[in-house]
Amino acid sequence: MLVLSGTLAVTRVPWASPGTDSQMLTASSENASTKAGSRAPQDVLRDRLLVELQEKNPGVALTHLQEETTKRPSLAKHCVAIARALGRAAVAKYGGAAHRAQAWSRPVCDTSFATGVASVQ
């Protein structure tokens, strides 16, 4: 699942009377980047890996998870949760076929990917 957030600006609506004063609201890119910058590193990593899993395959996402936790040890404590999320997402990617998702399993974060796959069944 991919979740995008943003701001929508509406300038006119069909039910407003033509004589009503109009006011234009605009989205501020400065505010959007500030909110994105305040996200926790593990959330940013998880979301990026979930996108990789969808666009490529679970193996790529697991490899990158292992690389990131090696490069940034502070992420290691979140590895289990991220790997489980990847396992659940892999099952969803393959239309509920847990055996196809399980084929990508490897011992990253103490087999948490496999636990995520099994939790969907």
Protein backbone atom coordinates (compact mmCIF):
# COMPACT_ATOMS: atom_id res chain seq x y z
CA MET A 1 0.00 0.00 0.00
CA LEU A 2 1.34 3.40 -0.95
CA VAL A 3 0.14 6.42 0.99
CA LEU A 4 0.73 9.93 -0.26
CA SER A 5 -0.20 13.06 1.60
CA GLY A 6 -0.55 16.62 0.45
CA THR A 7 -2.74 19.67 0.34
CA LEU A 8 -5.50 20.34 -2.14
CA ALA A 9 -6.45 23.92 -2.93
CA VAL A 10 -9.96 24.62 -4.23
CA THR A 11 -10.57 28.01 -5.80
CA ARG A 12 -14.23 27.75 -6.79
CA VAL A 13 -17.12 25.44 -6.07
CA PRO A 14 -20.21 25.15 -8.26
CA TRP A 15 -22.66 25.82 -5.43
CA ALA A 16 -21.16 29.18 -4.39
CA SER A 17 -23.04 32.23 -5.58
CA PRO A 18 -21.20 34.32 -8.18
CA GLY A 19 -21.44 37.46 -6.04
CA THR A 20 -19.62 35.88 -3.10
CA ASP A 21 -16.12 37.14 -2.49
CA SER A 22 -13.66 34.52 -3.55
CA GLN A 23 -10.53 33.67 -1.73
CA MET A 24 -7.70 31.57 -3.06
CA LEU A 25 -5.82 29.22 -0.78
CA THR A 26 -2.49 27.79 -1.83
CA ALA A 27 -0.41 24.96 -0.55
CA SER A 28 2.91 25.87 0.93
CA SER A 29 5.76 23.63 -0.12
CA GLU A 30 7.73 24.93 2.86
CA ASN A 31 5.22 23.44 5.31
CA ALA A 32 5.08 20.15 3.43
CA SER A 33 8.84 19.67 3.50
CA THR A 34 8.96 20.56 7.19
CA LYS A 35 6.41 17.85 8.00
CA ALA A 36 8.24 15.31 5.84
CA GLY A 37 11.54 16.24 7.47
CA SER A 38 10.15 15.61 10.94
CA ARG A 39 9.27 11.98 10.22
CA ALA A 40 11.22 9.39 12.14
CA PRO A 41 14.09 7.79 10.17
CA GLN A 42 12.63 4.31 10.63
CA ASP A 43 9.30 5.44 9.15
CA VAL A 44 11.05 6.97 6.15
CA LEU A 45 13.06 3.78 5.65
CA ARG A 46 10.01 1.51 6.02
CA ASP A 47 8.01 3.52 3.50
CA ARG A 48 10.90 3.57 1.02
CA LEU A 49 11.39 -0.19 1.35
CA LEU A 50 7.67 -0.86 0.91
CA VAL A 51 7.76 1.08 -2.36
CA GLU A 52 10.84 -0.90 -3.47
CA LEU A 53 9.08 -4.13 -2.62
CA GLN A 54 6.14 -3.16 -4.83
CA GLU A 55 8.25 -1.82 -7.70
CA LYS A 56 10.90 -4.56 -7.68
CA ASN A 57 10.69 -7.53 -5.34
CA PRO A 58 10.95 -8.40 -1.64
CA GLY A 59 14.56 -9.51 -2.05
CA VAL A 60 15.68 -6.02 -3.04
CA ALA A 61 13.85 -4.49 -0.08
CA LEU A 62 15.36 -7.01 2.36
CA THR A 63 18.86 -6.41 1.02
CA HIS A 64 18.44 -2.67 1.44
CA LEU A 65 17.04 -3.15 4.95
CA GLN A 66 20.12 -5.15 5.90
CA GLU A 67 22.44 -2.55 4.36
CA GLU A 68 20.71 0.36 6.09
CA THR A 69 20.76 -1.25 9.53
CA THR A 70 24.46 -1.99 9.06
CA LYS A 71 25.22 1.60 7.99
CA ARG A 72 22.99 3.17 10.64
CA PRO A 73 23.01 1.05 13.81
CA SER A 74 20.32 3.27 15.37
CA LEU A 75 17.85 1.67 12.94
CA ALA A 76 18.65 -1.85 14.15
CA LYS A 77 16.08 -1.68 16.96
CA HIS A 78 13.37 -1.08 14.31
CA CYS A 79 14.55 -3.83 11.99
CA VAL A 80 12.12 -6.47 13.29
CA ALA A 81 9.06 -4.24 12.82
CA ILE A 82 10.16 -3.15 9.35
CA ALA A 83 10.91 -6.72 8.25
CA ARG A 84 7.50 -7.89 9.48
CA ALA A 85 5.82 -5.06 7.55
CA LEU A 86 7.74 -6.15 4.45
CA GLY A 87 6.55 -9.73 4.97
CA ARG A 88 2.91 -8.65 5.17
CA ALA A 89 3.35 -6.40 2.12
CA ALA A 90 4.92 -9.26 0.16
CA VAL A 91 1.88 -11.44 0.77
CA ALA A 92 -0.35 -8.60 -0.44
CA LYS A 93 1.85 -8.08 -3.52
CA TYR A 94 1.36 -11.71 -4.51
CA GLY A 95 -2.40 -11.62 -4.00
CA GLY A 96 -2.41 -13.50 -0.71
CA ALA A 97 -0.08 -16.26 -1.95
CA ALA A 98 2.04 -16.64 1.17
CA HIS A 99 4.17 -19.35 -0.43
CA ARG A 100 5.31 -16.89 -3.12
CA ALA A 101 6.14 -14.27 -0.50
CA GLN A 102 7.88 -16.84 1.71
CA ALA A 103 10.20 -17.76 -1.18
CA TRP A 104 11.98 -14.42 -0.59
CA SER A 105 12.55 -15.10 3.10
CA ARG A 106 16.07 -14.84 4.47
CA PRO A 107 17.56 -14.37 7.93
CA VAL A 108 17.36 -10.58 8.03
CA CYS A 109 16.42 -9.27 11.48
CA ASP A 110 16.04 -12.72 12.99
CA THR A 111 13.61 -14.11 10.38
CA SER A 112 11.07 -11.35 11.02
CA PHE A 113 10.14 -11.23 7.33
CA ALA A 114 8.93 -14.84 7.60
CA THR A 115 6.98 -13.93 10.74
CA GLY A 116 5.27 -11.10 8.83
CA VAL A 117 4.35 -13.49 6.02
CA ALA A 118 2.96 -16.04 8.48
CA SER A 119 0.91 -13.41 10.32
CA VAL A 120 -1.25 -12.84 7.23
CA GLN A 121 -2.36 -16.45 6.95
